[in-house]
Amino acid sequence: MPIRPAPASDSGADLTACEFFAGGGLAGLGLHLGGAGFRTVLANDIDTAKARAFRANHPETPLIHDDVWAVTPDQVPGAPDLCWASSPCQDVSLAGARGGLKAQRSGAFWGFWKLMQGLDAEGRAPRVIVLENVVGLLTSGEGQDFAAVCGAMVEAGYTVGALELDAELWLPQSRPRLFIVAMRGVEGSRLKGPALPFHSPRLTAAWARLPAPLKANWAWWRLETPPRRNLDLAAVLEPDVPCFDEAEAQTLLAMLSPLHRARLEAIQASGERRV
């Protein structure tokens, strides 16, 4: 199912991007819309369902449906300005077994990095690399996984920094994510030190654990704080759209504990709209 209308044309975009672990292509969509000016020239994902979703929404963009470890530099067109990787999070997530970057799924980052090294050897490395993952990467392996990612980027000559963005700044949903941003041969807007809301206490603590050589090549990237949102979840839900038929609703209600059933009945009796 399409998630967006196709843009009139991407050909006028001045900057090129490659999107790895692309899923449905939402990162590339964000890089293109709103005047960001990036044109996705290549995408990659190993998952069949995600590859199908990507092709349905971005038929004009070449997709490599394969393991990132199998992607070779000759498959990457030109010298992309930016390479984006939303690598698997299961092994670094606070909700997972925390096998870290040595485990198979989250260790796919190293397959992506091997490809970046291959492009670098040919003089085609991107000026900007972005790694998006869960905030659990900050503490995975007692902080060693975060240091390993930053260290690989610094060793390749990049200045590295990180931001924590929570969807609740824009939407009525909390979904914090970590963005590690590395730049080489290009400058980004910086701060002199960490500042909320994008440099959280846990990010600052992870930075403090980094070795001195990594701190020497660190940047506190600057983003404008968005206006305070004025919507909660109740305000964005359509009030009269049926979700379940009567039988399904009664089945779900029967599953409630007495305590939660009493809370629900009290809300219904109040006449308030609550979510």
C-alpha atoms as a PDB file:
ATOM      1  CA  MET A   1       0.000   0.000   0.000  1.00  0.00           C
ATOM      2  CA  PRO A   2       1.455   3.385  -0.956  1.00  0.00           C
ATOM      3  CA  ILE A   3       2.373   5.672   1.940  1.00  0.00           C
ATOM      4  CA  ARG A   4       2.660   8.828  -0.151  1.00  0.00           C
ATOM      5  CA  PRO A   5       1.853  10.255  -3.563  1.00  0.00           C
ATOM      6  CA  ALA A   6       4.811  10.052  -5.875  1.00  0.00           C
ATOM      7  CA  PRO A   7       6.695  13.375  -6.109  1.00  0.00           C
ATOM      8  CA  ALA A   8       6.496  15.190  -9.401  1.00  0.00           C
ATOM      9  CA  SER A   9      10.228  14.696  -9.875  1.00  0.00           C
ATOM     10  CA  ASP A  10      13.328  13.984  -7.821  1.00  0.00           C
ATOM     11  CA  SER A  11      15.646  14.913 -10.642  1.00  0.00           C
ATOM     12  CA  GLY A  12      16.082  18.514  -9.455  1.00  0.00           C
ATOM     13  CA  ALA A  13      17.543  17.515  -6.096  1.00  0.00           C
ATOM     14  CA  ASP A  14      21.168  18.603  -5.861  1.00  0.00           C
ATOM     15  CA  LEU A  15      22.297  16.100  -3.229  1.00  0.00           C
ATOM     16  CA  THR A  16      22.268  12.317  -3.426  1.00  0.00           C
ATOM     17  CA  ALA A  17      21.641   9.790  -0.683  1.00  0.00           C
ATOM     18  CA  CYS A  18      21.802   6.027  -0.240  1.00  0.00           C
ATOM     19  CA  GLU A  19      19.431   4.445   2.263  1.00  0.00           C
ATOM     20  CA  PHE A  20      20.457   1.189   3.946  1.00  0.00           C
ATOM     21  CA  PHE A  21      18.150  -0.992   6.052  1.00  0.00           C
ATOM     22  CA  ALA A  22      15.602   1.086   4.187  1.00  0.00           C
ATOM     23  CA  GLY A  23      12.330  -0.568   5.182  1.00  0.00           C
ATOM     24  CA  GLY A  24       9.542   1.333   3.449  1.00  0.00           C
ATOM     25  CA  GLY A  25      11.849   4.237   2.635  1.00  0.00           C
ATOM     26  CA  LEU A  26      10.689   6.718   5.258  1.00  0.00           C
ATOM     27  CA  ALA A  27      14.159   8.094   5.967  1.00  0.00           C
ATOM     28  CA  GLY A  28      14.653   8.855   2.300  1.00  0.00           C
ATOM     29  CA  LEU A  29      11.213  10.414   2.168  1.00  0.00           C
ATOM     30  CA  GLY A  30      12.167  12.759   5.003  1.00  0.00           C
ATOM     31  CA  LEU A  31      15.444  13.612   3.297  1.00  0.00           C
ATOM     32  CA  HIS A  32      13.575  14.609   0.144  1.00  0.00           C
ATOM     33  CA  LEU A  33      10.495  16.425   1.431  1.00  0.00           C
ATOM     34  CA  GLY A  34      10.314  19.831   3.065  1.00  0.00           C
ATOM     35  CA  GLY A  35      13.071  21.297   0.955  1.00  0.00           C
ATOM     36  CA  ALA A  36      15.771  18.980   2.336  1.00  0.00           C
ATOM     37  CA  GLY A  37      16.942  18.466  -1.234  1.00  0.00           C
ATOM     38  CA  PHE A  38      18.238  14.878  -1.187  1.00  0.00           C
ATOM     39  CA  ARG A  39      17.509  12.426  -3.963  1.00  0.00           C
ATOM     40  CA  THR A  40      17.742   8.758  -3.005  1.00  0.00           C
ATOM     41  CA  VAL A  41      19.786   7.003  -5.671  1.00  0.00           C
ATOM     42  CA  LEU A  42      20.012   3.564  -4.028  1.00  0.00           C
ATOM     43  CA  ALA A  43      18.304   1.615  -1.257  1.00  0.00           C
ATOM     44  CA  ASN A  44      18.965  -1.724   0.388  1.00  0.00           C
ATOM     45  CA  ASP A  45      17.051  -4.083   2.646  1.00  0.00           C
ATOM     46  CA  ILE A  46      17.221  -7.830   3.272  1.00  0.00           C
ATOM     47  CA  ASP A  47      13.591  -8.317   4.301  1.00  0.00           C
ATOM     48  CA  THR A  48      11.156  -9.415   1.581  1.00  0.00           C
ATOM     49  CA  ALA A  49       8.109  -7.622   2.994  1.00  0.00           C
ATOM     50  CA  LYS A  50      10.046  -4.406   3.491  1.00  0.00           C
ATOM     51  CA  ALA A  51      11.499  -4.627  -0.008  1.00  0.00           C
ATOM     52  CA  ARG A  52       7.987  -5.014  -1.375  1.00  0.00           C
ATOM     53  CA  ALA A  53       6.828  -1.952   0.582  1.00  0.00           C
ATOM     54  CA  PHE A  54       9.783   0.064  -0.677  1.00  0.00           C
ATOM     55  CA  ARG A  55       9.148  -0.805  -4.311  1.00  0.00           C
ATOM     56  CA  ALA A  56       5.462   0.044  -3.952  1.00  0.00           C
ATOM     57  CA  ASN A  57       6.296   3.516  -2.682  1.00  0.00           C
ATOM     58  CA  HIS A  58       9.518   4.308  -4.547  1.00  0.00           C
ATOM     59  CA  PRO A  59       9.365   2.508  -7.888  1.00  0.00           C
ATOM     60  CA  GLU A  60      11.814   5.013  -9.360  1.00  0.00           C
ATOM     61  CA  THR A  61      14.587   4.196  -6.860  1.00  0.00           C
ATOM     62  CA  PRO A  62      16.908   1.199  -7.425  1.00  0.00           C
ATOM     63  CA  LEU A  63      16.655  -1.300  -4.562  1.00  0.00           C
ATOM     64  CA  ILE A  64      19.122  -4.043  -3.708  1.00  0.00           C
ATOM     65  CA  HIS A  65      17.117  -6.774  -1.974  1.00  0.00           C
ATOM     66  CA  ASP A  66      19.979  -8.545  -0.229  1.00  0.00           C
ATOM     67  CA  ASP A  67      22.070  -8.770   2.921  1.00  0.00           C
ATOM     68  CA  VAL A  68      24.072  -5.567   3.392  1.00  0.00           C
ATOM     69  CA  TRP A  69      27.178  -7.742   3.764  1.00  0.00           C
ATOM     70  CA  ALA A  70      26.694  -8.782   0.131  1.00  0.00           C
ATOM     71  CA  VAL A  71      26.459  -5.232  -1.266  1.00  0.00           C
ATOM     72  CA  THR A  72      29.640  -4.161  -3.051  1.00  0.00           C
ATOM     73  CA  PRO A  73      30.983  -0.688  -3.927  1.00  0.00           C
ATOM     74  CA  ASP A  74      30.432  -1.245  -7.644  1.00  0.00           C
ATOM     75  CA  GLN A  75      26.678  -1.393  -6.947  1.00  0.00           C
ATOM     76  CA  VAL A  76      26.694   2.131  -5.465  1.00  0.00           C
ATOM     77  CA  PRO A  77      26.314   4.860  -8.080  1.00  0.00           C
ATOM     78  CA  GLY A  78      28.796   7.719  -8.060  1.00  0.00           C
ATOM     79  CA  ALA A  79      29.873   9.393  -4.837  1.00  0.00           C
ATOM     80  CA  PRO A  80      26.772   9.817  -2.651  1.00  0.00           C
ATOM     81  CA  ASP A  81      26.641  12.911  -0.482  1.00  0.00           C
ATOM     82  CA  LEU A  82      24.972  11.038   2.370  1.00  0.00           C
ATOM     83  CA  CYS A  83      24.606   7.422   3.417  1.00  0.00           C
ATOM     84  CA  TRP A  84      21.861   6.626   5.917  1.00  0.00           C
ATOM     85  CA  ALA A  85      21.693   3.422   7.963  1.00  0.00           C
ATOM     86  CA  SER A  86      18.741   2.526  10.196  1.00  0.00           C
ATOM     87  CA  SER A  87      20.464  -0.670  11.238  1.00  0.00           C
ATOM     88  CA  PRO A  88      18.727  -3.455  13.212  1.00  0.00           C
ATOM     89  CA  CYS A  89      18.204  -2.601  16.860  1.00  0.00           C
ATOM     90  CA  GLN A  90      17.161  -5.917  18.424  1.00  0.00           C
ATOM     91  CA  ASP A  91      20.542  -6.780  19.936  1.00  0.00           C
ATOM     92  CA  VAL A  92      21.157  -3.342  21.475  1.00  0.00           C
ATOM     93  CA  SER A  93      17.594  -2.561  22.547  1.00  0.00           C
ATOM     94  CA  LEU A  94      16.800  -2.280  26.242  1.00  0.00           C
ATOM     95  CA  ALA A  95      13.923  -4.689  25.535  1.00  0.00           C
ATOM     96  CA  GLY A  96      16.141  -7.350  23.964  1.00  0.00           C
ATOM     97  CA  ALA A  97      18.802  -9.834  25.039  1.00  0.00           C
ATOM     98  CA  ARG A  98      21.465  -7.163  24.443  1.00  0.00           C
ATOM     99  CA  GLY A  99      23.910  -9.236  22.458  1.00  0.00           C
ATOM    100  CA  GLY A 100      25.285  -5.957  21.142  1.00  0.00           C
ATOM    101  CA  LEU A 101      27.086  -5.301  17.893  1.00  0.00           C
ATOM    102  CA  LYS A 102      28.722  -8.722  18.096  1.00  0.00           C
ATOM    103  CA  ALA A 103      25.317 -10.369  17.605  1.00  0.00           C
ATOM    104  CA  GLN A 104      23.995 -11.203  14.157  1.00  0.00           C
ATOM    105  CA  ARG A 105      21.206  -8.668  13.686  1.00  0.00           C
ATOM    106  CA  SER A 106      22.651  -5.475  15.173  1.00  0.00           C
ATOM    107  CA  GLY A 107      26.079  -6.588  13.965  1.00  0.00           C
ATOM    108  CA  ALA A 108      24.806  -5.817  10.455  1.00  0.00           C
ATOM    109  CA  PHE A 109      26.153  -2.319  11.108  1.00  0.00           C
ATOM    110  CA  TRP A 110      29.608  -3.714  10.373  1.00  0.00           C
ATOM    111  CA  GLY A 111      28.422  -4.921   6.973  1.00  0.00           C
ATOM    112  CA  PHE A 112      27.309  -1.373   6.246  1.00  0.00           C
ATOM    113  CA  TRP A 113      30.626  -0.012   7.511  1.00  0.00           C
ATOM    114  CA  LYS A 114      32.574  -2.463   5.351  1.00  0.00           C
ATOM    115  CA  LEU A 115      30.780  -0.977   2.348  1.00  0.00           C
ATOM    116  CA  MET A 116      31.662   2.573   3.500  1.00  0.00           C
ATOM    117  CA  GLN A 117      35.305   1.519   3.742  1.00  0.00           C
ATOM    118  CA  GLY A 118      35.110   0.121   0.226  1.00  0.00           C
ATOM    119  CA  LEU A 119      33.737   3.397  -1.118  1.00  0.00           C
ATOM    120  CA  ASP A 120      36.443   5.282   0.766  1.00  0.00           C
ATOM    121  CA  ALA A 121      39.155   3.164  -0.835  1.00  0.00           C
ATOM    122  CA  GLU A 122      37.809   4.280  -4.228  1.00  0.00           C
ATOM    123  CA  GLY A 123      37.598   7.949  -3.233  1.00  0.00           C
ATOM    124  CA  ARG A 124      33.780   7.847  -3.193  1.00  0.00           C
ATOM    125  CA  ALA A 125      32.987   7.922   0.531  1.00  0.00           C
ATOM    126  CA  PRO A 126      29.989  10.051   1.537  1.00  0.00           C
ATOM    127  CA  ARG A 127      30.590  13.400   3.185  1.00  0.00           C
ATOM    128  CA  VAL A 128      27.861  12.652   5.716  1.00  0.00           C
ATOM    129  CA  ILE A 129      26.948   9.351   7.377  1.00  0.00           C
ATOM    130  CA  VAL A 130      23.927   8.974   9.646  1.00  0.00           C
ATOM    131  CA  LEU A 131      23.265   5.949  11.819  1.00  0.00           C
ATOM    132  CA  GLU A 132      19.802   5.775  13.397  1.00  0.00           C
ATOM    133  CA  ASN A 133      19.116   3.311  16.198  1.00  0.00           C
ATOM    134  CA  VAL A 134      17.531   2.892  19.604  1.00  0.00           C
ATOM    135  CA  VAL A 135      18.944   4.743  22.597  1.00  0.00           C
ATOM    136  CA  GLY A 136      19.999   1.383  24.029  1.00  0.00           C
ATOM    137  CA  LEU A 137      23.067   1.626  21.782  1.00  0.00           C
ATOM    138  CA  LEU A 138      24.437   4.196  24.240  1.00  0.00           C
ATOM    139  CA  THR A 139      24.781   1.587  26.988  1.00  0.00           C
ATOM    140  CA  SER A 140      25.032  -1.670  25.017  1.00  0.00           C
ATOM    141  CA  GLY A 141      28.143  -3.588  26.027  1.00  0.00           C
ATOM    142  CA  GLU A 142      28.619  -1.141  28.908  1.00  0.00           C
ATOM    143  CA  GLY A 143      29.060   1.635  26.370  1.00  0.00           C
ATOM    144  CA  GLN A 144      31.635  -0.204  24.255  1.00  0.00           C
ATOM    145  CA  ASP A 145      29.318  -0.572  21.243  1.00  0.00           C
ATOM    146  CA  PHE A 146      28.679   3.181  21.076  1.00  0.00           C
ATOM    147  CA  ALA A 147      32.414   3.813  21.386  1.00  0.00           C
ATOM    148  CA  ALA A 148      33.124   1.252  18.652  1.00  0.00           C
ATOM    149  CA  VAL A 149      30.757   2.946  16.187  1.00  0.00           C
ATOM    150  CA  CYS A 150      32.129   6.408  16.943  1.00  0.00           C
ATOM    151  CA  GLY A 151      35.670   5.076  16.849  1.00  0.00           C
ATOM    152  CA  ALA A 152      35.227   3.550  13.398  1.00  0.00           C
ATOM    153  CA  MET A 153      33.965   6.872  12.069  1.00  0.00           C
ATOM    154  CA  VAL A 154      36.725   8.915  13.690  1.00  0.00           C
ATOM    155  CA  GLU A 155      39.380   6.491  12.411  1.00  0.00           C
ATOM    156  CA  ALA A 156      38.058   7.133   8.891  1.00  0.00           C
ATOM    157  CA  GLY A 157      38.578  10.876   9.358  1.00  0.00           C
ATOM    158  CA  TYR A 158      35.041  11.911  10.263  1.00  0.00           C
ATOM    159  CA  THR A 159      33.956  14.326  12.959  1.00  0.00           C
ATOM    160  CA  VAL A 160      31.246  12.557  14.893  1.00  0.00           C
ATOM    161  CA  GLY A 161      28.403  13.628  17.168  1.00  0.00           C
ATOM    162  CA  ALA A 162      25.022  12.347  18.237  1.00  0.00           C
ATOM    163  CA  LEU A 163      21.501  13.558  18.897  1.00  0.00           C
ATOM    164  CA  GLU A 164      18.588  11.992  20.718  1.00  0.00           C
ATOM    165  CA  LEU A 165      15.251  12.831  19.145  1.00  0.00           C
ATOM    166  CA  ASP A 166      11.931  11.883  20.712  1.00  0.00           C
ATOM    167  CA  ALA A 167       8.831  11.848  18.524  1.00  0.00           C
ATOM    168  CA  GLU A 168       6.886  13.460  21.370  1.00  0.00           C
ATOM    169  CA  LEU A 169       8.376  16.811  20.370  1.00  0.00           C
ATOM    170  CA  TRP A 170       6.228  16.664  17.235  1.00  0.00           C
ATOM    171  CA  LEU A 171       3.564  13.994  17.855  1.00  0.00           C
ATOM    172  CA  PRO A 172       1.526  12.607  20.773  1.00  0.00           C
ATOM    173  CA  GLN A 173       3.813   9.575  21.012  1.00  0.00           C
ATOM    174  CA  SER A 174       7.088   9.031  22.856  1.00  0.00           C
ATOM    175  CA  ARG A 175       9.626   7.237  20.660  1.00  0.00           C
ATOM    176  CA  PRO A 176      13.196   8.259  21.480  1.00  0.00           C
ATOM    177  CA  ARG A 177      15.818   7.437  18.884  1.00  0.00           C
ATOM    178  CA  LEU A 178      19.566   7.982  18.634  1.00  0.00           C
ATOM    179  CA  PHE A 179      21.113   9.594  15.557  1.00  0.00           C
ATOM    180  CA  ILE A 180      24.877   9.379  15.181  1.00  0.00           C
ATOM    181  CA  VAL A 181      25.965  11.933  12.576  1.00  0.00           C
ATOM    182  CA  ALA A 182      29.463  11.876  11.056  1.00  0.00           C
ATOM    183  CA  MET A 183      30.819  14.526   8.675  1.00  0.00           C
ATOM    184  CA  ARG A 184      33.999  14.761   6.659  1.00  0.00           C
ATOM    185  CA  GLY A 185      34.916  17.599   4.340  1.00  0.00           C
ATOM    186  CA  VAL A 186      31.781  19.496   5.276  1.00  0.00           C
ATOM    187  CA  GLU A 187      30.816  21.533   8.328  1.00  0.00           C
ATOM    188  CA  GLY A 188      27.638  21.264  10.371  1.00  0.00           C
ATOM    189  CA  SER A 189      26.158  23.738  12.829  1.00  0.00           C
ATOM    190  CA  ARG A 190      27.562  23.144  16.318  1.00  0.00           C
ATOM    191  CA  LEU A 191      27.114  24.099  19.934  1.00  0.00           C
ATOM    192  CA  LYS A 192      29.917  24.584  22.439  1.00  0.00           C
ATOM    193  CA  GLY A 193      28.446  21.904  24.669  1.00  0.00           C
ATOM    194  CA  PRO A 194      25.432  19.656  25.144  1.00  0.00           C
ATOM    195  CA  ALA A 195      21.992  21.247  25.332  1.00  0.00           C
ATOM    196  CA  LEU A 196      18.476  19.920  25.768  1.00  0.00           C
ATOM    197  CA  PRO A 197      16.308  18.637  24.230  1.00  0.00           C
ATOM    198  CA  PHE A 198      18.549  16.833  21.744  1.00  0.00           C
ATOM    199  CA  HIS A 199      21.513  16.116  24.033  1.00  0.00           C
ATOM    200  CA  SER A 200      19.888  14.074  26.766  1.00  0.00           C
ATOM    201  CA  PRO A 201      21.539  13.200  30.084  1.00  0.00           C
ATOM    202  CA  ARG A 202      22.079   9.613  28.904  1.00  0.00           C
ATOM    203  CA  LEU A 203      23.745  10.825  25.710  1.00  0.00           C
ATOM    204  CA  THR A 204      25.966  13.178  27.692  1.00  0.00           C
ATOM    205  CA  ALA A 205      26.854  10.305  30.044  1.00  0.00           C
ATOM    206  CA  ALA A 206      27.762   8.090  27.074  1.00  0.00           C
ATOM    207  CA  TRP A 207      29.978  10.858  25.670  1.00  0.00           C
ATOM    208  CA  ALA A 208      31.727  11.183  29.034  1.00  0.00           C
ATOM    209  CA  ARG A 209      32.713   7.495  28.839  1.00  0.00           C
ATOM    210  CA  LEU A 210      34.363   7.873  25.417  1.00  0.00           C
ATOM    211  CA  PRO A 211      38.169   7.760  25.153  1.00  0.00           C
ATOM    212  CA  ALA A 212      39.945  11.107  24.805  1.00  0.00           C
ATOM    213  CA  PRO A 213      40.800  10.680  21.069  1.00  0.00           C
ATOM    214  CA  LEU A 214      37.087  10.297  20.266  1.00  0.00           C
ATOM    215  CA  LYS A 215      36.133  13.305  22.386  1.00  0.00           C
ATOM    216  CA  ALA A 216      38.728  15.327  20.478  1.00  0.00           C
ATOM    217  CA  ASN A 217      36.832  14.594  17.248  1.00  0.00           C
ATOM    218  CA  TRP A 218      33.336  15.062  18.695  1.00  0.00           C
ATOM    219  CA  ALA A 219      30.795  17.737  17.770  1.00  0.00           C
ATOM    220  CA  TRP A 220      27.673  18.747  19.651  1.00  0.00           C
ATOM    221  CA  TRP A 221      25.504  19.151  16.580  1.00  0.00           C
ATOM    222  CA  ARG A 222      22.966  21.943  16.725  1.00  0.00           C
ATOM    223  CA  LEU A 223      19.278  21.628  15.829  1.00  0.00           C
ATOM    224  CA  GLU A 224      16.535  24.196  16.229  1.00  0.00           C
ATOM    225  CA  THR A 225      14.070  23.239  18.970  1.00  0.00           C
ATOM    226  CA  PRO A 226      10.654  22.749  17.369  1.00  0.00           C
ATOM    227  CA  PRO A 227       7.646  24.777  18.539  1.00  0.00           C
ATOM    228  CA  ARG A 228       5.781  23.165  21.394  1.00  0.00           C
ATOM    229  CA  ARG A 229       3.099  20.907  19.961  1.00  0.00           C
ATOM    230  CA  ASN A 230      -0.475  21.729  20.942  1.00  0.00           C
ATOM    231  CA  LEU A 231      -2.082  18.368  20.210  1.00  0.00           C
ATOM    232  CA  ASP A 232      -2.526  15.311  22.398  1.00  0.00           C
ATOM    233  CA  LEU A 233      -3.554  11.865  21.188  1.00  0.00           C
ATOM    234  CA  ALA A 234      -7.249  12.505  21.784  1.00  0.00           C
ATOM    235  CA  ALA A 235      -7.110  15.561  19.529  1.00  0.00           C
ATOM    236  CA  VAL A 236      -5.830  13.663  16.499  1.00  0.00           C
ATOM    237  CA  LEU A 237      -8.120  10.623  16.708  1.00  0.00           C
ATOM    238  CA  GLU A 238     -11.312  10.742  14.677  1.00  0.00           C
ATOM    239  CA  PRO A 239     -14.194  10.365  17.167  1.00  0.00           C
ATOM    240  CA  ASP A 240     -16.731   8.461  15.081  1.00  0.00           C
ATOM    241  CA  VAL A 241     -14.625   5.900  13.232  1.00  0.00           C
ATOM    242  CA  PRO A 242     -15.620   2.369  14.336  1.00  0.00           C
ATOM    243  CA  CYS A 243     -12.742   0.199  15.482  1.00  0.00           C
ATOM    244  CA  PHE A 244     -14.547  -3.002  16.509  1.00  0.00           C
ATOM    245  CA  ASP A 245     -18.027  -4.391  16.048  1.00  0.00           C
ATOM    246  CA  GLU A 246     -20.143  -4.987  19.147  1.00  0.00           C
ATOM    247  CA  ALA A 247     -19.145  -8.636  19.549  1.00  0.00           C
ATOM    248  CA  GLU A 248     -15.427  -7.846  19.296  1.00  0.00           C
ATOM    249  CA  ALA A 249     -15.796  -4.968  21.747  1.00  0.00           C
ATOM    250  CA  GLN A 250     -17.551  -7.167  24.296  1.00  0.00           C
ATOM    251  CA  THR A 251     -14.877  -9.847  23.934  1.00  0.00           C
ATOM    252  CA  LEU A 252     -12.161  -7.305  24.687  1.00  0.00           C
ATOM    253  CA  LEU A 253     -14.086  -5.778  27.585  1.00  0.00           C
ATOM    254  CA  ALA A 254     -14.514  -9.233  29.121  1.00  0.00           C
ATOM    255  CA  MET A 255     -10.730  -9.539  29.267  1.00  0.00           C
ATOM    256  CA  LEU A 256     -10.375  -6.500  31.548  1.00  0.00           C
ATOM    257  CA  SER A 257      -9.561  -7.028  35.196  1.00  0.00           C
ATOM    258  CA  PRO A 258     -12.177  -5.749  37.671  1.00  0.00           C
ATOM    259  CA  LEU A 259      -9.947  -2.783  38.497  1.00  0.00           C
ATOM    260  CA  HIS A 260      -9.528  -1.688  34.889  1.00  0.00           C
ATOM    261  CA  ARG A 261     -13.194  -2.323  34.118  1.00  0.00           C
ATOM    262  CA  ALA A 262     -14.126  -0.034  37.004  1.00  0.00           C
ATOM    263  CA  ARG A 263     -11.793   2.672  35.685  1.00  0.00           C
ATOM    264  CA  LEU A 264     -13.293   2.401  32.226  1.00  0.00           C
ATOM    265  CA  GLU A 265     -16.848   2.636  33.563  1.00  0.00           C
ATOM    266  CA  ALA A 266     -15.919   5.706  35.617  1.00  0.00           C
ATOM    267  CA  ILE A 267     -14.540   7.426  32.498  1.00  0.00           C
ATOM    268  CA  GLN A 268     -17.661   6.530  30.541  1.00  0.00           C
ATOM    269  CA  ALA A 269     -19.865   7.913  33.314  1.00  0.00           C
ATOM    270  CA  SER A 270     -17.918  11.191  33.378  1.00  0.00           C
ATOM    271  CA  GLY A 271     -18.787  11.958  29.770  1.00  0.00           C
ATOM    272  CA  GLU A 272     -15.202  12.997  29.072  1.00  0.00           C
ATOM    273  CA  ARG A 273     -13.290  11.956  25.983  1.00  0.00           C
ATOM    274  CA  ARG A 274     -10.210  10.169  27.248  1.00  0.00           C
ATOM    275  CA  VAL A 275      -7.493   8.173  25.506  1.00  0.00           C
END
